[in-house]
PDB file of N, CA and C in Angstrom:
ATOM      1  N   MET A   1       0.474  -0.775   0.233  1.00  0.00           N
ATOM      2  CA  MET A   1      -0.072   0.339  -0.164  1.00  0.00           C
ATOM      3  C   MET A   1       1.051   1.771   0.410  1.00  0.00           C
ATOM      4  N   PRO A   2       0.914   2.209  -1.157  1.00  0.00           N
ATOM      5  CA  PRO A   2       1.790   3.042  -1.165  1.00  0.00           C
ATOM      6  C   PRO A   2       1.124   3.802  -0.586  1.00  0.00           C
ATOM      7  N   ILE A   3       2.003   4.910   0.437  1.00  0.00           N
ATOM      8  CA  ILE A   3       2.060   6.007   0.999  1.00  0.00           C
ATOM      9  C   ILE A   3       2.590   7.506   0.242  1.00  0.00           C
ATOM     10  N   VAL A   4       1.742   8.579  -0.117  1.00  0.00           N
ATOM     11  CA  VAL A   4       2.340   9.592  -0.708  1.00  0.00           C
ATOM     12  C   VAL A   4       2.288  10.512   0.356  1.00  0.00           C
ATOM     13  N   THR A   5       3.160  11.199   1.315  1.00  0.00           N
ATOM     14  CA  THR A   5       2.414  12.456   2.433  1.00  0.00           C
ATOM     15  C   THR A   5       3.246  13.791   0.941  1.00  0.00           C
ATOM     16  N   VAL A   6       2.399  15.085   0.888  1.00  0.00           N
ATOM     17  CA  VAL A   6       2.719  16.517   0.765  1.00  0.00           C
ATOM     18  C   VAL A   6       3.364  17.166   1.911  1.00  0.00           C
ATOM     19  N   ALA A   7       3.878  17.482   2.100  1.00  0.00           N
ATOM     20  CA  ALA A   7       3.952  19.111   3.458  1.00  0.00           C
ATOM     21  C   ALA A   7       4.074  20.503   1.892  1.00  0.00           C
ATOM     22  N   MET A   8       3.317  21.254   2.731  1.00  0.00           N
ATOM     23  CA  MET A   8       3.488  22.425   2.304  1.00  0.00           C
ATOM     24  C   MET A   8       2.701  23.404   3.181  1.00  0.00           C
ATOM     25  N   PHE A   9       2.697  24.381   2.336  1.00  0.00           N
ATOM     26  CA  PHE A   9       1.893  25.712   3.793  1.00  0.00           C
ATOM     27  C   PHE A   9       1.126  25.504   3.513  1.00  0.00           C
ATOM     28  N   SER A  10       0.281  26.165   4.035  1.00  0.00           N
ATOM     29  CA  SER A  10      -1.825  26.269   4.767  1.00  0.00           C
ATOM     30  C   SER A  10      -1.928  27.150   3.531  1.00  0.00           C
ATOM     31  N   GLY A  11      -3.188  26.726   3.236  1.00  0.00           N
ATOM     32  CA  GLY A  11      -3.536  28.062   2.451  1.00  0.00           C
ATOM     33  C   GLY A  11      -4.583  27.594   1.010  1.00  0.00           C
ATOM     34  N   ARG A  12      -4.001  26.773   0.324  1.00  0.00           N
ATOM     35  CA  ARG A  12      -4.884  25.867  -0.307  1.00  0.00           C
ATOM     36  C   ARG A  12      -6.587  26.178  -0.337  1.00  0.00           C
ATOM     37  N   THR A  13      -7.045  26.061  -1.157  1.00  0.00           N
ATOM     38  CA  THR A  13      -8.015  25.391  -1.484  1.00  0.00           C
ATOM     39  C   THR A  13      -8.665  23.831  -1.265  1.00  0.00           C
ATOM     40  N   GLN A  14      -9.590  23.483  -0.251  1.00  0.00           N
ATOM     41  CA  GLN A  14      -9.748  22.281  -0.605  1.00  0.00           C
ATOM     42  C   GLN A  14      -9.628  22.059  -1.726  1.00  0.00           C
ATOM     43  N   THR A  15     -10.738  22.765  -3.071  1.00  0.00           N
ATOM     44  CA  THR A  15     -10.106  21.825  -4.044  1.00  0.00           C
ATOM     45  C   THR A  15      -8.951  21.775  -5.134  1.00  0.00           C
ATOM     46  N   GLU A  16      -7.652  22.632  -4.943  1.00  0.00           N
ATOM     47  CA  GLU A  16      -6.588  22.391  -5.219  1.00  0.00           C
ATOM     48  C   GLU A  16      -6.260  21.575  -4.490  1.00  0.00           C
ATOM     49  N   LYS A  17      -6.205  21.323  -3.354  1.00  0.00           N
ATOM     50  CA  LYS A  17      -5.797  19.900  -2.468  1.00  0.00           C
ATOM     51  C   LYS A  17      -6.434  18.125  -2.972  1.00  0.00           C
ATOM     52  N   ASP A  18      -7.830  19.342  -2.895  1.00  0.00           N
ATOM     53  CA  ASP A  18      -8.562  17.810  -3.818  1.00  0.00           C
ATOM     54  C   ASP A  18      -7.988  17.328  -4.950  1.00  0.00           C
ATOM     55  N   ARG A  19      -8.026  18.481  -6.613  1.00  0.00           N
ATOM     56  CA  ARG A  19      -7.195  18.277  -7.841  1.00  0.00           C
ATOM     57  C   ARG A  19      -5.323  17.500  -7.052  1.00  0.00           C
ATOM     58  N   LEU A  20      -5.263  18.075  -6.375  1.00  0.00           N
ATOM     59  CA  LEU A  20      -3.767  17.485  -5.543  1.00  0.00           C
ATOM     60  C   LEU A  20      -3.582  15.521  -5.756  1.00  0.00           C
ATOM     61  N   ALA A  21      -5.123  15.465  -4.910  1.00  0.00           N
ATOM     62  CA  ALA A  21      -4.439  14.302  -5.006  1.00  0.00           C
ATOM     63  C   ALA A  21      -5.192  12.989  -5.108  1.00  0.00           C
ATOM     64  N   GLU A  22      -5.839  13.677  -7.041  1.00  0.00           N
ATOM     65  CA  GLU A  22      -6.178  12.744  -7.686  1.00  0.00           C
ATOM     66  C   GLU A  22      -5.212  12.752  -8.114  1.00  0.00           C
ATOM     67  N   ALA A  23      -4.575  13.952  -9.011  1.00  0.00           N
ATOM     68  CA  ALA A  23      -3.614  13.468  -9.912  1.00  0.00           C
ATOM     69  C   ALA A  23      -2.613  12.383  -9.198  1.00  0.00           C
ATOM     70  N   ILE A  24      -1.880  12.298  -7.380  1.00  0.00           N
ATOM     71  CA  ILE A  24      -1.185  11.955  -7.341  1.00  0.00           C
ATOM     72  C   ILE A  24      -1.546  10.512  -7.615  1.00  0.00           C
ATOM     73  N   THR A  25      -2.501  10.653  -7.010  1.00  0.00           N
ATOM     74  CA  THR A  25      -3.462   9.244  -6.433  1.00  0.00           C
ATOM     75  C   THR A  25      -3.028   8.307  -8.201  1.00  0.00           C
ATOM     76  N   GLU A  26      -3.510   9.212  -9.233  1.00  0.00           N
ATOM     77  CA  GLU A  26      -3.668   8.390 -10.755  1.00  0.00           C
ATOM     78  C   GLU A  26      -2.524   7.990 -11.076  1.00  0.00           C
ATOM     79  N   ASP A  27      -1.417   8.596 -10.971  1.00  0.00           N
ATOM     80  CA  ASP A  27       0.592   8.571 -11.163  1.00  0.00           C
ATOM     81  C   ASP A  27       0.647   7.772 -10.050  1.00  0.00           C
ATOM     82  N   ILE A  28       0.700   6.942  -8.906  1.00  0.00           N
ATOM     83  CA  ILE A  28       0.794   6.263  -8.396  1.00  0.00           C
ATOM     84  C   ILE A  28       0.303   4.795  -9.064  1.00  0.00           C
ATOM     85  N   ILE A  29      -1.218   4.481  -9.086  1.00  0.00           N
ATOM     86  CA  ILE A  29      -1.127   3.568 -10.002  1.00  0.00           C
ATOM     87  C   ILE A  29      -1.346   3.260 -10.910  1.00  0.00           C
ATOM     88  N   LYS A  30      -0.472   4.164 -12.161  1.00  0.00           N
ATOM     89  CA  LYS A  30       0.274   4.332 -13.188  1.00  0.00           C
ATOM     90  C   LYS A  30       0.865   3.602 -13.504  1.00  0.00           C
ATOM     91  N   ILE A  31       2.597   4.420 -11.908  1.00  0.00           N
ATOM     92  CA  ILE A  31       3.634   3.350 -12.161  1.00  0.00           C
ATOM     93  C   ILE A  31       3.648   2.603 -11.091  1.00  0.00           C
ATOM     94  N   LEU A  32       3.062   2.583 -10.050  1.00  0.00           N
ATOM     95  CA  LEU A  32       3.416   1.286 -10.123  1.00  0.00           C
ATOM     96  C   LEU A  32       2.780   0.016  -9.207  1.00  0.00           C
ATOM     97  N   LYS A  33       0.899   0.283 -10.289  1.00  0.00           N
ATOM     98  CA  LYS A  33       0.503  -1.025 -10.747  1.00  0.00           C
ATOM     99  C   LYS A  33      -0.075  -0.735  -9.526  1.00  0.00           C
ATOM    100  N   VAL A  34      -0.732  -0.075  -8.817  1.00  0.00           N
ATOM    101  CA  VAL A  34      -1.930  -0.686  -7.771  1.00  0.00           C
ATOM    102  C   VAL A  34      -2.881  -0.243  -8.010  1.00  0.00           C
ATOM    103  N   GLU A  35      -4.212  -1.281  -7.285  1.00  0.00           N
ATOM    104  CA  GLU A  35      -5.190  -0.388  -7.414  1.00  0.00           C
ATOM    105  C   GLU A  35      -5.558   1.430  -6.746  1.00  0.00           C
ATOM    106  N   LYS A  36      -6.174   1.522  -7.474  1.00  0.00           N
ATOM    107  CA  LYS A  36      -6.797   3.483  -6.242  1.00  0.00           C
ATOM    108  C   LYS A  36      -6.854   3.346  -5.792  1.00  0.00           C
ATOM    109  N   LYS A  37      -8.028   1.964  -5.078  1.00  0.00           N
ATOM    110  CA  LYS A  37      -8.170   1.690  -3.036  1.00  0.00           C
ATOM    111  C   LYS A  37      -6.607   1.863  -2.853  1.00  0.00           C
ATOM    112  N   GLU A  38      -5.714   0.699  -3.178  1.00  0.00           N
ATOM    113  CA  GLU A  38      -4.315   0.750  -2.040  1.00  0.00           C
ATOM    114  C   GLU A  38      -3.863   2.416  -2.399  1.00  0.00           C
ATOM    115  N   ALA A  39      -3.552   3.639  -2.366  1.00  0.00           N
ATOM    116  CA  ALA A  39      -2.845   4.483  -3.222  1.00  0.00           C
ATOM    117  C   ALA A  39      -3.737   5.290  -1.771  1.00  0.00           C
ATOM    118  N   ILE A  40      -1.981   6.001  -0.839  1.00  0.00           N
ATOM    119  CA  ILE A  40      -3.120   7.013  -0.105  1.00  0.00           C
ATOM    120  C   ILE A  40      -2.490   8.135   0.179  1.00  0.00           C
ATOM    121  N   VAL A  41      -3.197   9.287  -0.635  1.00  0.00           N
ATOM    122  CA  VAL A  41      -2.186  10.470  -0.127  1.00  0.00           C
ATOM    123  C   VAL A  41      -2.488  11.591   1.136  1.00  0.00           C
ATOM    124  N   VAL A  42      -1.284  11.995   1.870  1.00  0.00           N
ATOM    125  CA  VAL A  42      -1.616  12.881   3.001  1.00  0.00           C
ATOM    126  C   VAL A  42      -0.643  13.848   2.158  1.00  0.00           C
ATOM    127  N   ILE A  43      -1.824  15.556   2.717  1.00  0.00           N
ATOM    128  CA  ILE A  43      -1.858  16.403   3.132  1.00  0.00           C
ATOM    129  C   ILE A  43      -1.354  16.712   4.439  1.00  0.00           C
ATOM    130  N   GLN A  44      -0.035  17.191   4.462  1.00  0.00           N
ATOM    131  CA  GLN A  44       0.245  17.410   6.410  1.00  0.00           C
ATOM    132  C   GLN A  44       0.185  19.717   5.959  1.00  0.00           C
ATOM    133  N   GLU A  45      -0.379  20.469   6.296  1.00  0.00           N
ATOM    134  CA  GLU A  45       0.165  21.344   5.758  1.00  0.00           C
ATOM    135  C   GLU A  45       0.577  22.229   7.159  1.00  0.00           C
ATOM    136  N   ALA A  46       1.574  23.390   7.127  1.00  0.00           N
ATOM    137  CA  ALA A  46       2.158  23.910   8.214  1.00  0.00           C
ATOM    138  C   ALA A  46       2.050  25.691   8.023  1.00  0.00           C
ATOM    139  N   PRO A  47       1.601  26.776   8.893  1.00  0.00           N
ATOM    140  CA  PRO A  47       1.768  27.735   8.161  1.00  0.00           C
ATOM    141  C   PRO A  47       2.975  28.795   7.852  1.00  0.00           C
ATOM    142  N   ARG A  48       3.568  29.421   7.649  1.00  0.00           N
ATOM    143  CA  ARG A  48       4.540  29.653   6.936  1.00  0.00           C
ATOM    144  C   ARG A  48       5.399  29.443   7.636  1.00  0.00           C
ATOM    145  N   GLY A  49       5.501  30.488   9.334  1.00  0.00           N
ATOM    146  CA  GLY A  49       5.856  30.741  10.040  1.00  0.00           C
ATOM    147  C   GLY A  49       7.098  29.291  10.676  1.00  0.00           C
ATOM    148  N   ASN A  50       6.311  28.351  10.350  1.00  0.00           N
ATOM    149  CA  ASN A  50       6.577  26.694  10.533  1.00  0.00           C
ATOM    150  C   ASN A  50       7.909  26.826   9.678  1.00  0.00           C
ATOM    151  N   TRP A  51       7.985  26.949   8.876  1.00  0.00           N
ATOM    152  CA  TRP A  51       9.275  26.940   7.678  1.00  0.00           C
ATOM    153  C   TRP A  51      10.466  27.747   8.569  1.00  0.00           C
ATOM    154  N   TYR A  52      11.469  26.793   7.665  1.00  0.00           N
ATOM    155  CA  TYR A  52      12.839  27.497   8.234  1.00  0.00           C
ATOM    156  C   TYR A  52      13.889  26.569   6.927  1.00  0.00           C
ATOM    157  N   PRO A  53      14.068  26.997   5.695  1.00  0.00           N
ATOM    158  CA  PRO A  53      14.860  26.455   5.182  1.00  0.00           C
ATOM    159  C   PRO A  53      15.888  27.523   5.030  1.00  0.00           C
ATOM    160  N   SER A  54      17.153  26.677   5.122  1.00  0.00           N
ATOM    161  CA  SER A  54      18.881  26.615   5.110  1.00  0.00           C
ATOM    162  C   SER A  54      18.295  28.181   6.935  1.00  0.00           C
ATOM    163  N   GLY A  55      17.531  27.565   7.436  1.00  0.00           N
ATOM    164  CA  GLY A  55      17.994  27.663   9.141  1.00  0.00           C
ATOM    165  C   GLY A  55      17.228  29.713   9.148  1.00  0.00           C
ATOM    166  N   ILE A  56      16.184  30.306   7.715  1.00  0.00           N
ATOM    167  CA  ILE A  56      15.836  30.591   7.987  1.00  0.00           C
ATOM    168  C   ILE A  56      14.502  31.000   8.063  1.00  0.00           C
ATOM    169  N   ARG A  57      13.192  31.077   9.081  1.00  0.00           N
ATOM    170  CA  ARG A  57      11.928  31.267   9.062  1.00  0.00           C
ATOM    171  C   ARG A  57      11.395  32.273   7.575  1.00  0.00           C
ATOM    172  N   VAL A  58      10.334  31.500   7.595  1.00  0.00           N
ATOM    173  CA  VAL A  58       9.881  32.253   6.496  1.00  0.00           C
ATOM    174  C   VAL A  58       7.588  31.960   5.770  1.00  0.00           C
TER     175      VAL A  58
END
C-alpha cells in the first residue's frame, strides 16, 4: 500500500488539495500498478512561520 505525504504551506483551497491528491493517485496507480483503493495521499499543512529553509523562517 503506497502512502505519499505532501508537506506544504497552509492556505490552499480544498478544491486545489483534492485535485492534487487525485493527480498523485493517478500517477501512483499507473507507475506502481496498484489498485486505486490501495493508494493513500496525505497532505500536511503548516503556516509559513513554521518553515525554516536554510535555517531562516519564512
